PDB file of N, CA and C in Angstrom:
ATOM      1  N   MET A   1     -97.458  55.227 -44.502  1.00  0.00           N
ATOM      2  CA  MET A   1     -95.866  56.538 -45.019  1.00  0.00           C
ATOM      3  C   MET A   1     -95.766  57.831 -45.613  1.00  0.00           C
ATOM      4  N   SER A   2     -94.984  57.880 -45.493  1.00  0.00           N
ATOM      5  CA  SER A   2     -94.395  59.673 -44.581  1.00  0.00           C
ATOM      6  C   SER A   2     -94.050  60.254 -46.110  1.00  0.00           C
ATOM      7  N   ALA A   3     -93.397  61.276 -46.521  1.00  0.00           N
ATOM      8  CA  ALA A   3     -92.720  62.081 -47.039  1.00  0.00           C
ATOM      9  C   ALA A   3     -90.996  62.416 -46.810  1.00  0.00           C
ATOM     10  N   ALA A   4     -89.894  61.985 -47.893  1.00  0.00           N
ATOM     11  CA  ALA A   4     -88.652  61.625 -47.719  1.00  0.00           C
ATOM     12  C   ALA A   4     -88.656  62.800 -46.194  1.00  0.00           C
ATOM     13  N   PRO A   5     -87.076  62.777 -45.609  1.00  0.00           N
ATOM     14  CA  PRO A   5     -87.373  63.200 -45.102  1.00  0.00           C
ATOM     15  C   PRO A   5     -85.607  65.473 -44.880  1.00  0.00           C
ATOM     16  N   ASN A   6     -85.788  64.979 -46.739  1.00  0.00           N
ATOM     17  CA  ASN A   6     -84.958  66.139 -47.250  1.00  0.00           C
ATOM     18  C   ASN A   6     -85.853  67.018 -48.143  1.00  0.00           C
ATOM     19  N   GLU A   7     -87.270  66.951 -48.233  1.00  0.00           N
ATOM     20  CA  GLU A   7     -88.376  67.220 -48.584  1.00  0.00           C
ATOM     21  C   GLU A   7     -89.470  68.217 -47.865  1.00  0.00           C
ATOM     22  N   THR A   8     -89.132  69.623 -48.244  1.00  0.00           N
ATOM     23  CA  THR A   8     -89.796  69.713 -46.839  1.00  0.00           C
ATOM     24  C   THR A   8     -90.670  70.764 -47.769  1.00  0.00           C
ATOM     25  N   ALA A   9     -90.732  71.230 -48.946  1.00  0.00           N
ATOM     26  CA  ALA A   9     -91.722  71.881 -49.353  1.00  0.00           C
ATOM     27  C   ALA A   9     -91.865  71.286 -51.116  1.00  0.00           C
ATOM     28  N   ALA A  10     -92.422  71.679 -51.749  1.00  0.00           N
ATOM     29  CA  ALA A  10     -92.799  71.802 -52.917  1.00  0.00           C
ATOM     30  C   ALA A  10     -92.408  72.057 -54.057  1.00  0.00           C
ATOM     31  N   PRO A  11     -91.643  71.558 -55.366  1.00  0.00           N
ATOM     32  CA  PRO A  11     -91.177  72.545 -55.606  1.00  0.00           C
ATOM     33  C   PRO A  11     -91.743  73.401 -56.461  1.00  0.00           C
ATOM     34  N   ALA A  12     -90.788  74.739 -57.138  1.00  0.00           N
ATOM     35  CA  ALA A  12     -91.847  75.642 -57.366  1.00  0.00           C
ATOM     36  C   ALA A  12     -91.887  75.602 -58.634  1.00  0.00           C
ATOM     37  N   LYS A  13     -93.470  76.037 -59.658  1.00  0.00           N
ATOM     38  CA  LYS A  13     -94.040  75.753 -60.852  1.00  0.00           C
ATOM     39  C   LYS A  13     -92.854  76.970 -61.479  1.00  0.00           C
ATOM     40  N   ASN A  14     -93.547  76.695 -62.694  1.00  0.00           N
ATOM     41  CA  ASN A  14     -92.415  77.390 -63.548  1.00  0.00           C
ATOM     42  C   ASN A  14     -93.594  77.875 -64.540  1.00  0.00           C
ATOM     43  N   THR A  15     -93.730  79.262 -63.794  1.00  0.00           N
ATOM     44  CA  THR A  15     -95.345  79.463 -64.722  1.00  0.00           C
ATOM     45  C   THR A  15     -94.647  81.204 -65.094  1.00  0.00           C
ATOM     46  N   ARG A  16     -95.444  81.142 -66.638  1.00  0.00           N
ATOM     47  CA  ARG A  16     -94.887  82.436 -67.401  1.00  0.00           C
ATOM     48  C   ARG A  16     -94.553  83.535 -67.025  1.00  0.00           C
ATOM     49  N   THR A  17     -93.733  83.995 -67.393  1.00  0.00           N
ATOM     50  CA  THR A  17     -93.581  86.054 -67.012  1.00  0.00           C
ATOM     51  C   THR A  17     -93.969  86.622 -68.410  1.00  0.00           C
ATOM     52  N   LEU A  18     -93.960  88.234 -68.109  1.00  0.00           N
ATOM     53  CA  LEU A  18     -93.935  89.148 -69.108  1.00  0.00           C
ATOM     54  C   LEU A  18     -93.638  90.373 -69.069  1.00  0.00           C
ATOM     55  N   VAL A  19     -93.922  91.140 -69.467  1.00  0.00           N
ATOM     56  CA  VAL A  19     -93.025  92.200 -68.934  1.00  0.00           C
ATOM     57  C   VAL A  19     -93.648  93.032 -70.063  1.00  0.00           C
ATOM     58  N   GLY A  20     -94.423  94.333 -70.327  1.00  0.00           N
ATOM     59  CA  GLY A  20     -95.250  95.184 -69.969  1.00  0.00           C
ATOM     60  C   GLY A  20     -95.383  96.660 -69.727  1.00  0.00           C
ATOM     61  N   ARG A  21     -96.591  97.224 -70.324  1.00  0.00           N
ATOM     62  CA  ARG A  21     -96.587  98.217 -69.867  1.00  0.00           C
ATOM     63  C   ARG A  21     -98.128  98.693 -69.386  1.00  0.00           C
ATOM     64  N   VAL A  22     -98.117  99.508 -68.736  1.00  0.00           N
ATOM     65  CA  VAL A  22     -99.931  99.760 -67.851  1.00  0.00           C
ATOM     66  C   VAL A  22    -100.327 100.436 -68.913  1.00  0.00           C
ATOM     67  N   VAL A  23    -101.556 100.477 -69.420  1.00  0.00           N
ATOM     68  CA  VAL A  23    -102.217 101.102 -70.021  1.00  0.00           C
ATOM     69  C   VAL A  23    -103.763 101.491 -70.159  1.00  0.00           C
ATOM     70  N   SER A  24    -103.623 100.824 -68.685  1.00  0.00           N
ATOM     71  CA  SER A  24    -105.371 101.567 -68.320  1.00  0.00           C
ATOM     72  C   SER A  24    -105.070 101.130 -66.278  1.00  0.00           C
ATOM     73  N   ASP A  25    -105.210 101.838 -65.799  1.00  0.00           N
ATOM     74  CA  ASP A  25    -105.319 101.430 -64.284  1.00  0.00           C
ATOM     75  C   ASP A  25    -106.850 101.867 -63.573  1.00  0.00           C
ATOM     76  N   LYS A  26    -107.509 102.277 -64.360  1.00  0.00           N
ATOM     77  CA  LYS A  26    -109.443 103.069 -64.412  1.00  0.00           C
ATOM     78  C   LYS A  26    -110.085 101.496 -63.117  1.00  0.00           C
ATOM     79  N   ARG A  27    -109.793 100.522 -63.345  1.00  0.00           N
ATOM     80  CA  ARG A  27    -110.811  99.378 -62.457  1.00  0.00           C
ATOM     81  C   ARG A  27    -110.223  99.275 -61.588  1.00  0.00           C
ATOM     82  N   ALA A  28    -110.575  98.523 -60.140  1.00  0.00           N
ATOM     83  CA  ALA A  28    -110.085  98.796 -58.635  1.00  0.00           C
ATOM     84  C   ALA A  28    -109.806  97.311 -59.226  1.00  0.00           C
ATOM     85  N   LYS A  29    -108.159  97.523 -58.411  1.00  0.00           N
ATOM     86  CA  LYS A  29    -107.524  96.118 -58.816  1.00  0.00           C
ATOM     87  C   LYS A  29    -107.425  95.470 -59.390  1.00  0.00           C
ATOM     88  N   THR A  30    -107.203  96.239 -61.067  1.00  0.00           N
ATOM     89  CA  THR A  30    -106.681  95.599 -62.034  1.00  0.00           C
ATOM     90  C   THR A  30    -106.630  96.431 -63.063  1.00  0.00           C
ATOM     91  N   VAL A  31    -105.219  96.195 -63.532  1.00  0.00           N
ATOM     92  CA  VAL A  31    -104.234  97.093 -64.744  1.00  0.00           C
ATOM     93  C   VAL A  31    -104.576  95.922 -65.967  1.00  0.00           C
ATOM     94  N   THR A  32    -104.446  97.175 -67.252  1.00  0.00           N
ATOM     95  CA  THR A  32    -104.324  96.621 -68.296  1.00  0.00           C
ATOM     96  C   THR A  32    -102.728  96.561 -69.190  1.00  0.00           C
ATOM     97  N   VAL A  33    -102.236  95.418 -69.629  1.00  0.00           N
ATOM     98  CA  VAL A  33    -100.758  96.190 -69.125  1.00  0.00           C
ATOM     99  C   VAL A  33    -100.703  95.206 -70.911  1.00  0.00           C
ATOM    100  N   LEU A  34     -99.967  96.418 -71.278  1.00  0.00           N
ATOM    101  CA  LEU A  34     -99.477  95.810 -73.464  1.00  0.00           C
ATOM    102  C   LEU A  34     -98.590  95.747 -73.955  1.00  0.00           C
ATOM    103  N   VAL A  35     -98.542  93.916 -73.644  1.00  0.00           N
ATOM    104  CA  VAL A  35     -96.908  93.666 -73.668  1.00  0.00           C
ATOM    105  C   VAL A  35     -96.631  93.520 -75.776  1.00  0.00           C
ATOM    106  N   GLU A  36     -95.747  93.914 -76.357  1.00  0.00           N
ATOM    107  CA  GLU A  36     -95.101  94.353 -77.370  1.00  0.00           C
ATOM    108  C   GLU A  36     -94.320  92.791 -77.448  1.00  0.00           C
ATOM    109  N   ARG A  37     -94.358  92.717 -78.764  1.00  0.00           N
ATOM    110  CA  ARG A  37     -92.814  91.126 -79.087  1.00  0.00           C
ATOM    111  C   ARG A  37     -92.352  91.924 -80.266  1.00  0.00           C
ATOM    112  N   ARG A  38     -91.997  91.135 -80.949  1.00  0.00           N
ATOM    113  CA  ARG A  38     -91.174  91.655 -82.604  1.00  0.00           C
ATOM    114  C   ARG A  38     -90.974  89.861 -83.164  1.00  0.00           C
ATOM    115  N   ALA A  39     -91.916  89.905 -83.730  1.00  0.00           N
ATOM    116  CA  ALA A  39     -91.039  88.402 -84.790  1.00  0.00           C
ATOM    117  C   ALA A  39     -91.346  89.020 -86.055  1.00  0.00           C
ATOM    118  N   ALA A  40     -90.388  88.039 -86.792  1.00  0.00           N
ATOM    119  CA  ALA A  40     -90.218  87.580 -88.357  1.00  0.00           C
ATOM    120  C   ALA A  40     -91.466  87.611 -88.778  1.00  0.00           C
ATOM    121  N   HIS A  41     -91.670  88.517 -90.250  1.00  0.00           N
ATOM    122  CA  HIS A  41     -93.525  87.986 -91.021  1.00  0.00           C
ATOM    123  C   HIS A  41     -93.047  86.741 -91.647  1.00  0.00           C
ATOM    124  N   PRO A  42     -93.863  86.270 -92.079  1.00  0.00           N
ATOM    125  CA  PRO A  42     -93.812  84.130 -91.976  1.00  0.00           C
ATOM    126  C   PRO A  42     -93.525  84.547 -93.739  1.00  0.00           C
ATOM    127  N   LEU A  43     -93.554  86.162 -94.287  1.00  0.00           N
ATOM    128  CA  LEU A  43     -93.324  85.209 -96.079  1.00  0.00           C
ATOM    129  C   LEU A  43     -92.155  86.286 -96.173  1.00  0.00           C
ATOM    130  N   TYR A  44     -92.100  87.622 -96.168  1.00  0.00           N
ATOM    131  CA  TYR A  44     -90.964  88.446 -96.423  1.00  0.00           C
ATOM    132  C   TYR A  44     -89.705  88.346 -95.118  1.00  0.00           C
ATOM    133  N   GLY A  45     -89.958  88.137 -93.599  1.00  0.00           N
ATOM    134  CA  GLY A  45     -89.390  88.409 -92.800  1.00  0.00           C
ATOM    135  C   GLY A  45     -89.296  89.164 -92.111  1.00  0.00           C
ATOM    136  N   LYS A  46     -89.815  90.409 -92.779  1.00  0.00           N
ATOM    137  CA  LYS A  46     -89.807  91.653 -92.049  1.00  0.00           C
ATOM    138  C   LYS A  46     -90.369  91.542 -90.185  1.00  0.00           C
ATOM    139  N   ILE A  47     -88.947  92.338 -89.391  1.00  0.00           N
ATOM    140  CA  ILE A  47     -89.499  92.373 -88.080  1.00  0.00           C
ATOM    141  C   ILE A  47     -91.068  92.914 -88.011  1.00  0.00           C
ATOM    142  N   VAL A  48     -91.628  92.967 -87.203  1.00  0.00           N
ATOM    143  CA  VAL A  48     -92.504  93.049 -87.118  1.00  0.00           C
ATOM    144  C   VAL A  48     -93.246  93.356 -85.331  1.00  0.00           C
ATOM    145  N   ALA A  49     -93.399  94.056 -85.244  1.00  0.00           N
ATOM    146  CA  ALA A  49     -94.236  94.738 -83.748  1.00  0.00           C
ATOM    147  C   ALA A  49     -95.656  93.638 -83.626  1.00  0.00           C
ATOM    148  N   ARG A  50     -95.778  92.527 -83.055  1.00  0.00           N
ATOM    149  CA  ARG A  50     -96.845  92.334 -82.585  1.00  0.00           C
ATOM    150  C   ARG A  50     -97.633  92.763 -80.938  1.00  0.00           C
ATOM    151  N   SER A  51     -98.663  92.859 -80.742  1.00  0.00           N
ATOM    152  CA  SER A  51     -98.730  93.313 -79.274  1.00  0.00           C
ATOM    153  C   SER A  51    -100.033  92.805 -78.966  1.00  0.00           C
ATOM    154  N   ARG A  52    -100.247  92.182 -77.470  1.00  0.00           N
ATOM    155  CA  ARG A  52    -101.627  92.490 -77.068  1.00  0.00           C
ATOM    156  C   ARG A  52    -101.703  92.621 -75.355  1.00  0.00           C
ATOM    157  N   LYS A  53    -102.523  92.669 -74.837  1.00  0.00           N
ATOM    158  CA  LYS A  53    -103.079  93.775 -73.927  1.00  0.00           C
ATOM    159  C   LYS A  53    -103.414  92.537 -73.016  1.00  0.00           C
ATOM    160  N   TYR A  54    -103.652  92.371 -71.511  1.00  0.00           N
ATOM    161  CA  TYR A  54    -103.723  91.406 -70.543  1.00  0.00           C
ATOM    162  C   TYR A  54    -104.356  92.195 -69.610  1.00  0.00           C
ATOM    163  N   HIS A  55    -105.096  91.532 -68.364  1.00  0.00           N
ATOM    164  CA  HIS A  55    -106.256  91.961 -67.749  1.00  0.00           C
ATOM    165  C   HIS A  55    -104.785  91.449 -66.658  1.00  0.00           C
ATOM    166  N   ALA A  56    -103.783  92.104 -65.284  1.00  0.00           N
ATOM    167  CA  ALA A  56    -103.431  91.882 -64.446  1.00  0.00           C
ATOM    168  C   ALA A  56    -104.021  92.292 -63.171  1.00  0.00           C
ATOM    169  N   HIS A  57    -103.777  91.588 -61.664  1.00  0.00           N
ATOM    170  CA  HIS A  57    -104.818  91.977 -60.629  1.00  0.00           C
ATOM    171  C   HIS A  57    -103.374  92.381 -59.990  1.00  0.00           C
ATOM    172  N   ASP A  58    -104.321  93.450 -59.456  1.00  0.00           N
ATOM    173  CA  ASP A  58    -102.661  93.968 -58.483  1.00  0.00           C
ATOM    174  C   ASP A  58    -103.544  94.558 -57.503  1.00  0.00           C
ATOM    175  N   GLU A  59    -103.831  93.967 -56.740  1.00  0.00           N
ATOM    176  CA  GLU A  59    -104.254  93.566 -55.007  1.00  0.00           C
ATOM    177  C   GLU A  59    -104.263  95.216 -54.627  1.00  0.00           C
ATOM    178  N   GLN A  60    -102.982  96.240 -53.981  1.00  0.00           N
ATOM    179  CA  GLN A  60    -102.024  96.613 -53.797  1.00  0.00           C
ATOM    180  C   GLN A  60    -103.309  98.138 -54.424  1.00  0.00           C
ATOM    181  N   GLY A  61    -103.269  98.466 -55.663  1.00  0.00           N
ATOM    182  CA  GLY A  61    -103.547  99.249 -57.020  1.00  0.00           C
ATOM    183  C   GLY A  61    -102.040 100.785 -56.626  1.00  0.00           C
ATOM    184  N   GLN A  62    -100.664 100.012 -56.893  1.00  0.00           N
ATOM    185  CA  GLN A  62     -99.831 100.490 -56.849  1.00  0.00           C
ATOM    186  C   GLN A  62     -99.272 101.112 -57.842  1.00  0.00           C
ATOM    187  N   VAL A  63     -99.043 100.151 -58.523  1.00  0.00           N
ATOM    188  CA  VAL A  63     -99.217 100.430 -60.005  1.00  0.00           C
ATOM    189  C   VAL A  63     -99.942 101.861 -61.192  1.00  0.00           C
ATOM    190  N   LYS A  64     -99.656 102.218 -61.829  1.00  0.00           N
ATOM    191  CA  LYS A  64    -100.221 103.021 -62.427  1.00  0.00           C
ATOM    192  C   LYS A  64     -99.313 103.392 -63.844  1.00  0.00           C
ATOM    193  N   MET A  65    -100.675 104.252 -64.674  1.00  0.00           N
ATOM    194  CA  MET A  65    -100.833 103.920 -66.032  1.00  0.00           C
ATOM    195  C   MET A  65     -99.295 104.560 -66.300  1.00  0.00           C
ATOM    196  N   GLY A  66     -98.304 104.061 -67.530  1.00  0.00           N
ATOM    197  CA  GLY A  66     -97.493 104.325 -67.545  1.00  0.00           C
ATOM    198  C   GLY A  66     -96.429 102.833 -66.726  1.00  0.00           C
ATOM    199  N   ASP A  67     -96.376 102.717 -66.525  1.00  0.00           N
ATOM    200  CA  ASP A  67     -95.687 102.418 -65.567  1.00  0.00           C
ATOM    201  C   ASP A  67     -94.935 100.796 -66.619  1.00  0.00           C
ATOM    202  N   LEU A  68     -93.994 100.277 -66.134  1.00  0.00           N
ATOM    203  CA  LEU A  68     -93.032  98.919 -66.953  1.00  0.00           C
ATOM    204  C   LEU A  68     -93.211  98.066 -65.503  1.00  0.00           C
ATOM    205  N   VAL A  69     -94.186  96.831 -65.971  1.00  0.00           N
ATOM    206  CA  VAL A  69     -94.984  95.589 -64.938  1.00  0.00           C
ATOM    207  C   VAL A  69     -94.243  94.351 -65.237  1.00  0.00           C
ATOM    208  N   GLU A  70     -93.546  93.999 -64.723  1.00  0.00           N
ATOM    209  CA  GLU A  70     -93.410  92.650 -65.195  1.00  0.00           C
ATOM    210  C   GLU A  70     -94.732  91.306 -64.790  1.00  0.00           C
ATOM    211  N   ILE A  71     -95.470  90.787 -65.355  1.00  0.00           N
ATOM    212  CA  ILE A  71     -97.137  90.106 -64.861  1.00  0.00           C
ATOM    213  C   ILE A  71     -96.475  88.538 -64.729  1.00  0.00           C
ATOM    214  N   ALA A  72     -97.036  87.988 -63.907  1.00  0.00           N
ATOM    215  CA  ALA A  72     -97.577  86.378 -63.898  1.00  0.00           C
ATOM    216  C   ALA A  72     -98.540  85.642 -64.229  1.00  0.00           C
ATOM    217  N   GLU A  73     -98.478  84.646 -65.141  1.00  0.00           N
ATOM    218  CA  GLU A  73     -99.507  83.748 -65.313  1.00  0.00           C
ATOM    219  C   GLU A  73    -100.133  82.872 -63.506  1.00  0.00           C
ATOM    220  N   GLY A  74    -100.908  82.526 -63.730  1.00  0.00           N
ATOM    221  CA  GLY A  74    -102.352  82.250 -61.751  1.00  0.00           C
ATOM    222  C   GLY A  74    -103.118  81.665 -62.717  1.00  0.00           C
ATOM    223  N   ARG A  75    -103.690  81.345 -61.517  1.00  0.00           N
ATOM    224  CA  ARG A  75    -105.220  80.906 -61.249  1.00  0.00           C
ATOM    225  C   ARG A  75    -105.942  81.840 -62.211  1.00  0.00           C
ATOM    226  N   PRO A  76    -107.315  81.766 -62.204  1.00  0.00           N
ATOM    227  CA  PRO A  76    -108.061  82.832 -63.089  1.00  0.00           C
ATOM    228  C   PRO A  76    -109.180  83.448 -61.877  1.00  0.00           C
ATOM    229  N   ILE A  77    -108.818  84.652 -61.773  1.00  0.00           N
ATOM    230  CA  ILE A  77    -109.447  85.089 -60.613  1.00  0.00           C
ATOM    231  C   ILE A  77    -110.892  86.734 -61.357  1.00  0.00           C
ATOM    232  N   SER A  78    -111.647  86.479 -62.453  1.00  0.00           N
ATOM    233  CA  SER A  78    -112.709  86.802 -62.669  1.00  0.00           C
ATOM    234  C   SER A  78    -112.755  85.999 -64.482  1.00  0.00           C
ATOM    235  N   LYS A  79    -113.513  86.545 -65.487  1.00  0.00           N
ATOM    236  CA  LYS A  79    -113.700  85.519 -67.015  1.00  0.00           C
ATOM    237  C   LYS A  79    -112.592  86.240 -67.449  1.00  0.00           C
ATOM    238  N   THR A  80    -111.854  87.426 -67.436  1.00  0.00           N
ATOM    239  CA  THR A  80    -110.565  88.158 -68.160  1.00  0.00           C
ATOM    240  C   THR A  80    -109.318  88.018 -67.608  1.00  0.00           C
ATOM    241  N   LYS A  81    -109.449  87.869 -66.182  1.00  0.00           N
ATOM    242  CA  LYS A  81    -108.072  88.101 -65.343  1.00  0.00           C
ATOM    243  C   LYS A  81    -107.890  86.993 -65.437  1.00  0.00           C
ATOM    244  N   SER A  82    -106.679  86.849 -65.298  1.00  0.00           N
ATOM    245  CA  SER A  82    -106.174  85.261 -64.933  1.00  0.00           C
ATOM    246  C   SER A  82    -103.993  85.202 -64.981  1.00  0.00           C
ATOM    247  N   TRP A  83    -103.457  87.301 -64.655  1.00  0.00           N
ATOM    248  CA  TRP A  83    -102.313  87.173 -64.304  1.00  0.00           C
ATOM    249  C   TRP A  83    -102.334  87.997 -63.123  1.00  0.00           C
ATOM    250  N   VAL A  84    -101.328  88.513 -62.849  1.00  0.00           N
ATOM    251  CA  VAL A  84    -100.627  88.605 -61.361  1.00  0.00           C
ATOM    252  C   VAL A  84     -99.605  89.372 -61.886  1.00  0.00           C
ATOM    253  N   VAL A  85     -99.846  91.069 -61.308  1.00  0.00           N
ATOM    254  CA  VAL A  85     -98.691  91.911 -61.764  1.00  0.00           C
ATOM    255  C   VAL A  85     -97.718  91.366 -60.253  1.00  0.00           C
ATOM    256  N   THR A  86     -95.909  90.820 -60.681  1.00  0.00           N
ATOM    257  CA  THR A  86     -95.204  90.613 -59.388  1.00  0.00           C
ATOM    258  C   THR A  86     -94.546  91.785 -59.281  1.00  0.00           C
ATOM    259  N   ARG A  87     -93.916  92.308 -59.806  1.00  0.00           N
ATOM    260  CA  ARG A  87     -93.032  93.756 -59.323  1.00  0.00           C
ATOM    261  C   ARG A  87     -93.130  94.620 -60.992  1.00  0.00           C
ATOM    262  N   LEU A  88     -92.727  96.108 -60.085  1.00  0.00           N
ATOM    263  CA  LEU A  88     -93.093  97.438 -60.528  1.00  0.00           C
ATOM    264  C   LEU A  88     -91.611  97.739 -61.658  1.00  0.00           C
ATOM    265  N   VAL A  89     -91.329  96.850 -62.874  1.00  0.00           N
ATOM    266  CA  VAL A  89     -89.735  97.128 -63.467  1.00  0.00           C
ATOM    267  C   VAL A  89     -89.605  98.394 -63.530  1.00  0.00           C
ATOM    268  N   GLN A  90     -89.788  99.789 -64.065  1.00  0.00           N
ATOM    269  CA  GLN A  90     -89.938 101.221 -63.848  1.00  0.00           C
ATOM    270  C   GLN A  90     -90.762 101.666 -63.810  1.00  0.00           C
ATOM    271  N   LYS A  91     -90.347 102.528 -62.933  1.00  0.00           N
ATOM    272  CA  LYS A  91     -91.410 104.079 -62.599  1.00  0.00           C
ATOM    273  C   LYS A  91     -92.021 104.925 -63.832  1.00  0.00           C
ATOM    274  N   ALA A  92     -93.378 105.616 -64.366  1.00  0.00           N
ATOM    275  CA  ALA A  92     -93.795 106.213 -65.238  1.00  0.00           C
ATOM    276  C   ALA A  92     -92.777 107.586 -65.617  1.00  0.00           C
ATOM    277  N   GLU A  93     -92.753 107.730 -66.420  1.00  0.00           N
ATOM    278  CA  GLU A  93     -91.821 109.547 -66.547  1.00  0.00           C
ATOM    279  C   GLU A  93     -93.050 110.588 -66.200  1.00  0.00           C
ATOM    280  N   LEU A  94     -92.439 111.977 -65.578  1.00  0.00           N
ATOM    281  CA  LEU A  94     -93.906 112.409 -65.353  1.00  0.00           C
ATOM    282  C   LEU A  94     -93.276 113.378 -66.601  1.00  0.00           C
ATOM    283  N   ILE A  95     -94.363 113.549 -66.993  1.00  0.00           N
ATOM    284  CA  ILE A  95     -93.711 114.802 -68.200  1.00  0.00           C
ATOM    285  C   ILE A  95     -94.293 116.263 -67.846  1.00  0.00           C
TER     286      ILE A  95
END
């Protein structure tokens, strides 16, 4: 049994991606990314900010604190880390 002649590679998986701000880069090859989202309060309807921190893998160590990055879900790399930095959206501003 052989594969179909027009199929050369497996189709790309749909992975979750998030955009957030790097709040810590103290660990080797790991950054902490704060992702904020806005959601309506279930009872009152007011828009409130919800946030969550994710540990993401940064192989080259190129992103720094304050950078805006995009992270994608991947395989578990460690106990708390299963996200990977895919691209740098915006560099942090110098003050």
